[in-house]
Amino acid sequence: MLRPFRTSEAQKEKLLAAARDAAASSPHLLTVIDGSLGTPPKGFAHDLSRSEIGRGLHVFVAAREAFQRWKQFDLGWVQVVNPIAKIAPGELVAVEAHTAYLWSISFNRVVEVVDSPIRFGFMYTTTALHVEEGQERFVIDFDPESKSVSYLIEAVSRPRHILARIGYPFSRAMQHRFARDSHARIRRWAANARGEVQIGENVSAQHCPER
């Protein structure tokens, strides 16, 4: 859904209610543990970015808390509409974005979760109520040997909405911007963990154009 004005809070509640039963609508492209299942189908683009957000178990714990509060989406121009949503399979997640004078709300369904002492994350799949089609995973890893904590975002997607297809280069630019901003947001959150000093930005990114 794209609009030239921001959706009111009352309307957001109505949209969430209407989308409650929206099913995941995308080919199976990723897994939360292993990522890409191979070469994406024709028309899909593959993006992967990873950054070190700090060192120490306390940083991992802080990043896990940030995920549970959806802080990786708290970017100013992007936010989760229903932040009370839990990171659990089947949960509906609505993401609002403001780009190029247009407001959008897109609905995703959490389909896989990983939760262990050294890894936490989830993968969601777009529903038919999304400007894009595809899957995306968000994962935090803790290396017990080096104490390094890393944040990974991986997505395979293609435009669904007519405006997203017409403005495809811009859509891709916004996807890359989201990844950069999300890494920076989690890095700042982790830096506030007790005893942690914020490290410089060092995001490794791979962007594969559509095939």
Foldseek 3Di string as FASTA:
>chain_A
DKDLDDDDLVVVVVVCVVCLPFDFDAPPAAAQPGGGPDDDPFQKKKKKKKWWLFFALLLVVLLQVCVLQVQLQVQPQKDWSCSPFGQDAQTKIWMWGADPSMIAIFIWGWHDWDDDSFKTWTKIFGGLRGQKGWMKIWMWGADPPRRIIMIMIIIMIHGDHPVCNVVVVVVVVVVVVSVVSSSVRSSVSSCPRPPIHRDDTDMDMDIGGGD
